[in-house]
Amino acid sequence: MHQVIVIGAGPAGLALGACLRAEGLEPLILERAATVGSAWRRHYDRLALHTDRDRSHLPFTPFPRDWPRYVPRAQVVDYLEGYAVEHGLVPRFGAEVTGVARQGEGWRVTLRGSELLQARHVIFATGVSETPFRASWPGLEGFPGPVLHSRDYRRPGDLPGQRVLVVGFGNSGGELAIDLVEAGRNVEIAVRSPVNLLPKELLGRPIGNWDVLQRIFPYRVADAITAPVLRLMLGDYRRYGLRKAAKGPIAQIREDGRIPLIDLGTLALMRAGRLRARPGPERIEGATVTFTDGSTGAYDAILLATGYTVDLRPMLGKMPGVLDETGRPLRSGAELAPGLWFCSYHTVPNGQLREIARQAPEIARGVAARLDQAAAPAAAR
């Protein structure tokens, strides 16, 4: 029986591996892909971290000091590969977990092909961007052009045609709209809900570095303090067809689990008339999309920047008290059943890598303590 099995060899799985080894444990890391960091390898080309280099690295190993402040995707992949080597992590690749169930004092892990493994502790680290959420509307199946989810988009050449509708105004949607506009496309972006925008930097500091306000003040007070500065920097973006959220950005994160758009240039394109906002789609007839306000537009391609879902029920089944009704763990960075842990399953405003760096050491210490507790009675006998 293994002491610890970690499921996933992305940033969370690697950080857990390093932290568990620092506690004197030898985890088995299972990864269904053929490489570490598989999600980062398939992200779009222009992606870079939205949080700064010094606050985004995994435990024990900072990013190189001569790398850009906002590390590009390709260098994140290089970093993850080097991290695995530095910490002696050799995941078992091609190992797809199909089931995890309680067995005796531990857990039974089933792999595709029916191989069975056993472990005292199992840690889920499969990430928040594994399963694309593909929004749909009446008539979408009859749209004559390509309909692509952002997971499958790498560069503008992936979408033929001149007129592109991007659906979704999260960080991916905002950045992909920039990518397509800069490539000379005629782009419109469907914004289905009220939004909050944040600048990439505030007074020369990355926006994520201002989380100190949340530690000093209640989050609604922190929103009230920053609101005048944000209005001064961003202006009234309702004039571009966007609806301002009734809540401030921190309240939106805390209460609704929605991350504000960190503006990388999307708003400037709207000011310049190079990017037009539309409300949410209502129906599609041929190449024509009708929006919820009754307006229409014709497009050659649709890019769905509609995010991802997390559903661990196919592996764990329904587990009240562990998973919510959608299959997402109720909490991250915690043991939700004896010997069953979850790392980084809730999006946070200051970046997943930083959150992983906080959760992984706590989980590793918790696992080591549980194993020590279990070993003590046996030693006494």
Protein backbone atom coordinates (compact mmCIF):
# COMPACT_ATOMS: atom_id res chain seq x y z
CA MET A 1 0.00 0.00 0.00
CA HIS A 2 1.28 3.46 -0.91
CA GLN A 3 1.47 6.13 1.75
CA VAL A 4 0.19 8.87 -0.57
CA ILE A 5 -1.16 9.00 -4.13
CA VAL A 6 -1.40 12.38 -5.84
CA ILE A 7 -3.73 12.59 -8.84
CA GLY A 8 -2.43 15.08 -11.41
CA ALA A 9 1.02 16.32 -12.42
CA GLY A 10 0.19 19.95 -13.11
CA PRO A 11 1.37 22.77 -10.85
CA ALA A 12 -0.66 21.51 -7.88
CA GLY A 13 0.48 17.90 -8.21
CA LEU A 14 4.12 18.91 -8.57
CA ALA A 15 3.96 21.31 -5.61
CA LEU A 16 2.40 18.57 -3.50
CA GLY A 17 5.08 16.13 -4.59
CA ALA A 18 7.85 18.52 -3.54
CA CYS A 19 6.19 19.36 -0.21
CA LEU A 20 5.47 15.71 0.60
CA ARG A 21 9.09 14.79 -0.13
CA ALA A 22 10.18 17.61 2.17
CA GLU A 23 8.13 15.87 4.89
CA GLY A 24 10.03 12.61 4.27
CA LEU A 25 7.30 10.94 2.21
CA GLU A 26 7.50 9.38 -1.26
CA PRO A 27 4.22 10.08 -3.09
CA LEU A 28 3.09 8.28 -6.22
CA ILE A 29 1.99 10.96 -8.70
CA LEU A 30 -0.46 9.75 -11.34
CA GLU A 31 -0.91 11.74 -14.57
CA ARG A 32 -3.13 10.69 -17.45
CA ALA A 33 -1.19 12.78 -20.01
CA ALA A 34 2.34 12.08 -21.19
CA THR A 35 3.96 15.16 -19.63
CA VAL A 36 3.86 17.41 -16.60
CA GLY A 37 1.82 20.61 -16.92
CA SER A 38 -0.40 19.31 -19.71
CA ALA A 39 -3.01 22.09 -19.24
CA TRP A 40 -0.37 24.81 -19.58
CA ARG A 41 0.92 23.20 -22.77
CA ARG A 42 -2.44 23.47 -24.50
CA HIS A 43 -3.32 27.05 -23.48
CA TYR A 44 -3.32 29.74 -26.17
CA ASP A 45 0.03 31.08 -27.32
CA ARG A 46 -0.17 34.65 -26.03
CA LEU A 47 -1.16 33.68 -22.50
CA ALA A 48 1.05 34.93 -19.68
CA LEU A 49 0.53 34.93 -15.93
CA HIS A 50 -1.73 37.77 -14.83
CA THR A 51 0.05 37.82 -11.47
CA ASP A 52 3.66 38.87 -11.04
CA ARG A 53 6.59 36.47 -11.10
CA ASP A 54 7.64 37.02 -7.48
CA ARG A 55 4.23 36.03 -6.10
CA SER A 56 3.40 33.18 -8.48
CA HIS A 57 6.03 30.49 -8.00
CA LEU A 58 5.63 27.06 -6.39
CA PRO A 59 7.17 26.15 -3.01
CA PHE A 60 10.97 26.19 -2.68
CA THR A 61 11.72 27.32 -6.27
CA PRO A 62 11.26 30.95 -7.42
CA PHE A 63 11.06 31.88 -11.07
CA PRO A 64 14.44 33.04 -12.43
CA ARG A 65 15.01 36.72 -11.65
CA ASP A 66 15.74 37.60 -15.28
CA TRP A 67 12.37 36.28 -16.51
CA PRO A 68 9.57 38.74 -17.37
CA ARG A 69 7.45 40.16 -14.56
CA TYR A 70 4.43 38.35 -16.07
CA VAL A 71 5.80 34.98 -17.14
CA PRO A 72 4.67 33.76 -20.62
CA ARG A 73 2.98 30.40 -21.05
CA ALA A 74 5.97 28.71 -22.72
CA GLN A 75 8.26 29.69 -19.86
CA VAL A 76 5.74 28.44 -17.30
CA VAL A 77 5.96 25.05 -19.04
CA ASP A 78 9.78 25.21 -18.87
CA TYR A 79 9.53 26.09 -15.19
CA LEU A 80 7.26 23.11 -14.44
CA GLU A 81 9.57 20.72 -16.26
CA GLY A 82 12.57 22.05 -14.34
CA TYR A 83 10.63 21.93 -11.06
CA ALA A 84 9.94 18.22 -11.48
CA VAL A 85 13.62 17.51 -12.15
CA GLU A 86 14.87 19.71 -9.30
CA HIS A 87 12.64 17.98 -6.75
CA GLY A 88 13.14 14.44 -8.03
CA LEU A 89 9.53 14.02 -9.12
CA VAL A 90 8.90 11.19 -11.60
CA PRO A 91 5.15 10.92 -12.20
CA ARG A 92 3.63 7.82 -13.66
CA PHE A 93 2.37 9.05 -17.02
CA GLY A 94 -0.52 7.55 -19.00
CA ALA A 95 -2.19 6.63 -15.70
CA GLU A 96 -5.82 7.73 -15.96
CA VAL A 97 -7.75 7.40 -12.72
CA THR A 98 -11.31 6.19 -13.24
CA GLY A 99 -12.38 5.62 -9.65
CA VAL A 100 -11.45 6.36 -6.03
CA ALA A 101 -13.29 4.58 -3.22
CA ARG A 102 -12.86 3.96 0.47
CA GLN A 103 -11.31 0.58 1.31
CA GLY A 104 -10.54 -0.38 4.87
CA GLU A 105 -8.32 2.26 6.46
CA GLY A 106 -7.29 3.70 3.11
CA TRP A 107 -8.45 4.25 -0.44
CA ARG A 108 -8.63 2.10 -3.56
CA VAL A 109 -7.61 3.87 -6.77
CA THR A 110 -8.73 2.30 -10.05
CA LEU A 111 -6.89 3.09 -13.28
CA ARG A 112 -8.19 2.71 -16.82
CA GLY A 113 -7.50 -0.89 -17.70
CA SER A 114 -8.79 -1.98 -14.27
CA GLU A 115 -5.44 -1.81 -12.45
CA LEU A 116 -5.99 -1.31 -8.73
CA LEU A 117 -3.78 0.67 -6.36
CA GLN A 118 -4.14 1.29 -2.64
CA ALA A 119 -3.08 4.27 -0.56
CA ARG A 120 -3.50 5.58 2.96
CA HIS A 121 -4.05 9.08 1.60
CA VAL A 122 -5.22 10.33 -1.80
CA ILE A 123 -4.83 13.95 -2.89
CA PHE A 124 -6.77 15.30 -5.86
CA ALA A 125 -4.80 17.89 -7.87
CA THR A 126 -6.40 17.72 -11.32
CA GLY A 127 -6.94 21.47 -11.63
CA VAL A 128 -9.77 23.83 -12.54
CA SER A 129 -9.32 23.86 -16.33
CA GLU A 130 -9.81 20.24 -17.35
CA THR A 131 -13.45 20.15 -18.51
CA PRO A 132 -14.60 22.94 -20.86
CA PHE A 133 -18.04 24.41 -20.30
CA ARG A 134 -19.64 24.71 -23.73
CA ALA A 135 -22.54 27.12 -23.61
CA SER A 136 -25.28 26.53 -26.17
CA TRP A 137 -28.23 28.39 -27.69
CA PRO A 138 -31.06 27.37 -30.02
CA GLY A 139 -29.68 26.99 -33.53
CA LEU A 140 -26.00 26.74 -32.59
CA GLU A 141 -25.73 23.30 -34.18
CA GLY A 142 -26.71 24.84 -37.52
CA PHE A 143 -24.10 27.61 -37.46
CA PRO A 144 -22.16 27.20 -40.75
CA GLY A 145 -18.73 28.27 -39.45
CA PRO A 146 -16.43 26.84 -36.80
CA VAL A 147 -17.48 27.00 -33.15
CA LEU A 148 -14.38 26.63 -31.00
CA HIS A 149 -13.93 26.54 -27.23
CA SER A 150 -11.01 28.58 -25.91
CA ARG A 151 -9.41 25.32 -24.74
CA ASP A 152 -8.87 24.41 -28.40
CA TYR A 153 -7.69 27.86 -29.54
CA ARG A 154 -3.97 28.53 -29.91
CA ARG A 155 -3.66 31.47 -32.32
CA PRO A 156 -5.85 33.55 -34.71
CA GLY A 157 -5.14 31.21 -37.62
CA ASP A 158 -7.24 28.56 -35.84
CA LEU A 159 -10.37 30.56 -36.72
CA PRO A 160 -10.97 31.21 -40.44
CA GLY A 161 -13.06 34.13 -41.64
CA GLN A 162 -13.09 37.83 -40.85
CA ARG A 163 -16.04 38.25 -38.50
CA VAL A 164 -15.61 36.57 -35.10
CA LEU A 165 -17.92 36.55 -32.10
CA VAL A 166 -16.18 35.90 -28.79
CA VAL A 167 -18.64 34.73 -26.13
CA GLY A 168 -17.53 35.46 -22.57
CA PHE A 169 -15.91 38.41 -20.83
CA GLY A 170 -13.67 36.63 -18.37
CA ASN A 171 -9.90 36.90 -18.52
CA SER A 172 -9.64 34.44 -21.41
CA GLY A 173 -12.38 36.12 -23.43
CA GLY A 174 -10.93 39.58 -22.95
CA GLU A 175 -7.43 38.50 -23.95
CA LEU A 176 -8.51 36.39 -26.92
CA ALA A 177 -10.52 39.33 -28.26
CA ILE A 178 -7.27 41.34 -28.19
CA ASP A 179 -5.45 38.52 -29.97
CA LEU A 180 -7.99 38.44 -32.79
CA VAL A 181 -8.29 42.23 -33.17
CA GLU A 182 -4.50 42.55 -33.41
CA ALA A 183 -4.60 39.92 -36.16
CA GLY A 184 -6.92 42.18 -38.18
CA ARG A 185 -10.21 40.44 -37.47
CA ASN A 186 -13.56 42.16 -37.03
CA VAL A 187 -14.38 41.10 -33.49
CA GLU A 188 -17.41 41.51 -31.26
CA ILE A 189 -17.63 40.15 -27.72
CA ALA A 190 -20.82 38.90 -26.08
CA VAL A 191 -21.00 39.93 -22.43
CA ARG A 192 -23.79 38.04 -20.74
CA SER A 193 -23.57 39.37 -17.18
CA PRO A 194 -22.70 42.57 -15.31
CA VAL A 195 -18.94 42.91 -14.91
CA ASN A 196 -16.13 44.28 -12.80
CA LEU A 197 -12.85 45.33 -14.38
CA LEU A 198 -9.49 45.75 -12.73
CA PRO A 199 -6.33 47.32 -14.16
CA LYS A 200 -3.33 45.04 -14.58
CA GLU A 201 -1.35 47.35 -12.30
CA LEU A 202 -2.34 49.97 -9.76
CA LEU A 203 0.16 52.74 -8.97
CA GLY A 204 2.92 50.68 -10.57
CA ARG A 205 2.21 47.54 -8.53
CA PRO A 206 0.50 44.39 -9.90
CA ILE A 207 -3.16 44.46 -8.95
CA GLY A 208 -2.84 41.20 -7.00
CA ASN A 209 -0.35 42.81 -4.65
CA TRP A 210 -3.10 45.00 -3.23
CA ASP A 211 -4.68 42.08 -1.39
CA VAL A 212 -3.22 43.60 1.78
CA LEU A 213 -6.37 45.75 1.92
CA GLN A 214 -8.43 42.58 2.31
CA ARG A 215 -6.36 41.58 5.32
CA ILE A 216 -6.80 44.96 6.99
CA PHE A 217 -10.43 45.76 6.20
CA PRO A 218 -13.66 43.81 5.68
CA TYR A 219 -13.90 43.05 1.97
CA ARG A 220 -16.81 45.42 1.30
CA VAL A 221 -14.86 48.24 2.97
CA ALA A 222 -11.83 47.36 0.80
CA ASP A 223 -14.09 47.61 -2.27
CA ALA A 224 -15.31 51.03 -1.15
CA ILE A 225 -11.74 52.27 -0.60
CA THR A 226 -10.53 51.21 -4.05
CA ALA A 227 -13.68 52.20 -6.01
CA PRO A 228 -12.72 55.88 -6.62
CA VAL A 229 -9.24 54.91 -7.82
CA LEU A 230 -10.66 52.28 -10.18
CA ARG A 231 -13.18 54.76 -11.59
CA LEU A 232 -10.37 57.24 -12.22
CA MET A 233 -8.22 54.65 -13.98
CA LEU A 234 -10.88 52.81 -15.98
CA GLY A 235 -13.54 55.45 -16.48
CA ASP A 236 -17.23 54.68 -16.94
CA TYR A 237 -17.12 51.55 -19.07
CA ARG A 238 -20.90 51.41 -19.28
CA ARG A 239 -20.60 53.72 -22.29
CA TYR A 240 -19.15 50.78 -24.25
CA GLY A 241 -22.17 48.56 -23.71
CA LEU A 242 -20.95 46.91 -20.51
CA ARG A 243 -23.10 46.64 -17.42
CA LYS A 244 -21.36 47.44 -14.14
CA ALA A 245 -21.82 44.79 -11.44
CA ALA A 246 -23.77 45.95 -8.40
CA LYS A 247 -21.08 44.46 -6.15
CA GLY A 248 -17.46 45.49 -5.96
CA PRO A 249 -14.80 43.15 -7.35
CA ILE A 250 -13.82 41.61 -4.00
CA ALA A 251 -17.45 41.02 -3.00
CA GLN A 252 -18.08 39.43 -6.39
CA ILE A 253 -15.21 37.02 -5.76
CA ARG A 254 -16.12 36.23 -2.17
CA GLU A 255 -19.88 35.92 -2.63
CA ASP A 256 -20.31 34.69 -6.19
CA GLY A 257 -17.00 32.98 -6.97
CA ARG A 258 -16.55 35.14 -10.10
CA ILE A 259 -13.17 36.64 -10.94
CA PRO A 260 -13.17 40.21 -12.38
CA LEU A 261 -11.56 40.84 -15.76
CA ILE A 262 -7.98 42.06 -15.40
CA ASP A 263 -7.83 44.51 -18.27
CA LEU A 264 -4.87 43.82 -20.56
CA GLY A 265 -6.04 46.22 -23.27
CA THR A 266 -9.62 45.13 -23.97
CA LEU A 267 -11.04 48.43 -22.75
CA ALA A 268 -8.63 50.45 -24.90
CA LEU A 269 -9.86 48.58 -27.98
CA MET A 270 -13.45 49.44 -27.04
CA ARG A 271 -12.56 53.10 -26.59
CA ALA A 272 -10.92 53.09 -30.01
CA GLY A 273 -13.97 51.49 -31.64
CA ARG A 274 -12.01 48.37 -32.60
CA LEU A 275 -14.00 46.02 -30.35
CA ARG A 276 -17.75 46.12 -29.80
CA ALA A 277 -19.60 44.63 -26.83
CA ARG A 278 -22.85 42.77 -27.37
CA PRO A 279 -25.28 41.33 -24.80
CA GLY A 280 -25.69 37.59 -24.45
CA PRO A 281 -26.78 35.48 -27.43
CA GLU A 282 -30.41 34.37 -27.50
CA ARG A 283 -30.64 32.26 -30.67
CA ILE A 284 -28.77 31.53 -33.89
CA GLU A 285 -30.18 31.20 -37.40
CA GLY A 286 -27.57 30.26 -39.99
CA ALA A 287 -24.68 32.70 -39.60
CA THR A 288 -26.85 35.28 -37.79
CA VAL A 289 -26.85 35.61 -34.02
CA THR A 290 -29.76 37.33 -32.29
CA PHE A 291 -28.88 38.85 -28.93
CA THR A 292 -31.03 39.32 -25.84
CA ASP A 293 -31.69 42.98 -26.71
CA GLY A 294 -33.10 42.01 -30.12
CA SER A 295 -30.04 43.18 -32.11
CA THR A 296 -28.37 40.84 -34.60
CA GLY A 297 -24.98 40.20 -36.14
CA ALA A 298 -23.56 37.87 -38.77
CA TYR A 299 -20.31 35.99 -38.10
CA ASP A 300 -17.89 33.62 -39.75
CA ALA A 301 -16.74 31.95 -36.51
CA ILE A 302 -17.67 31.76 -32.84
CA LEU A 303 -15.13 31.42 -30.03
CA LEU A 304 -16.56 30.19 -26.73
CA ALA A 305 -14.59 31.68 -23.84
CA THR A 306 -17.14 30.24 -21.45
CA GLY A 307 -14.79 28.71 -18.91
CA TYR A 308 -14.52 25.30 -17.33
CA THR A 309 -16.38 23.06 -14.93
CA VAL A 310 -15.04 20.87 -12.14
CA ASP A 311 -16.88 17.60 -11.58
CA LEU A 312 -15.14 14.84 -9.65
CA ARG A 313 -18.25 12.64 -9.38
CA PRO A 314 -17.13 10.34 -12.25
CA MET A 315 -14.20 9.33 -10.03
CA LEU A 316 -15.67 9.69 -6.54
CA GLY A 317 -19.41 9.28 -7.04
CA LYS A 318 -21.79 11.41 -5.01
CA MET A 319 -20.13 12.30 -1.73
CA PRO A 320 -22.26 14.61 0.43
CA GLY A 321 -20.07 16.61 2.75
CA VAL A 322 -17.16 16.29 0.31
CA LEU A 323 -18.50 17.38 -3.09
CA ASP A 324 -21.23 19.90 -3.80
CA GLU A 325 -24.18 19.18 -6.08
CA THR A 326 -22.05 19.92 -9.17
CA GLY A 327 -19.17 17.67 -8.16
CA ARG A 328 -16.75 20.38 -7.02
CA PRO A 329 -15.00 19.90 -3.63
CA LEU A 330 -16.66 21.93 -0.92
CA ARG A 331 -13.27 23.26 0.16
CA SER A 332 -9.72 23.28 -1.17
CA GLY A 333 -6.52 22.79 0.80
CA ALA A 334 -8.30 20.50 3.23
CA GLU A 335 -9.03 16.90 4.23
CA LEU A 336 -12.74 16.46 3.50
CA ALA A 337 -12.90 12.76 4.43
CA PRO A 338 -10.33 10.68 6.34
CA GLY A 339 -7.29 10.47 4.05
CA LEU A 340 -8.96 12.35 1.16
CA TRP A 341 -7.54 15.78 0.28
CA PHE A 342 -8.10 18.42 -2.43
CA CYS A 343 -5.73 21.11 -3.68
CA SER A 344 -6.70 24.25 -5.63
CA TYR A 345 -10.25 23.62 -6.80
CA HIS A 346 -11.59 27.14 -6.30
CA THR A 347 -10.46 30.06 -8.44
CA VAL A 348 -8.92 32.97 -6.55
CA PRO A 349 -8.16 36.57 -7.58
CA ASN A 350 -4.45 36.42 -6.81
CA GLY A 351 -3.64 33.48 -9.07
CA GLN A 352 -3.84 29.71 -8.78
CA LEU A 353 -0.08 29.26 -8.53
CA ARG A 354 0.10 31.41 -5.44
CA GLU A 355 -2.85 29.59 -3.92
CA ILE A 356 -1.22 26.24 -4.70
CA ALA A 357 1.96 27.46 -2.96
CA ARG A 358 -0.14 28.18 0.12
CA GLN A 359 -2.20 24.99 0.13
CA ALA A 360 0.40 22.37 -0.82
CA PRO A 361 2.63 22.75 2.26
CA GLU A 362 -0.41 22.72 4.55
CA ILE A 363 -1.70 19.52 2.96
CA ALA A 364 1.73 17.88 3.10
CA ARG A 365 2.09 18.68 6.79
CA GLY A 366 -1.41 17.38 7.44
CA VAL A 367 -0.76 14.11 5.62
CA ALA A 368 2.55 13.59 7.45
CA ALA A 369 0.87 14.24 10.80
CA ARG A 370 -1.94 11.76 10.05
CA LEU A 371 0.56 9.08 9.05
CA ASP A 372 2.58 9.69 12.21
CA GLN A 373 -0.58 9.40 14.31
CA ALA A 374 -1.50 6.14 12.63
CA ALA A 375 2.02 4.76 13.12
CA ALA A 376 2.20 5.57 16.84
CA PRO A 377 -0.31 2.94 18.09
CA ALA A 378 1.30 0.31 15.87
CA ALA A 379 4.73 1.09 17.32
CA ALA A 380 3.32 0.91 20.84
CA ARG A 381 2.08 -2.63 20.16
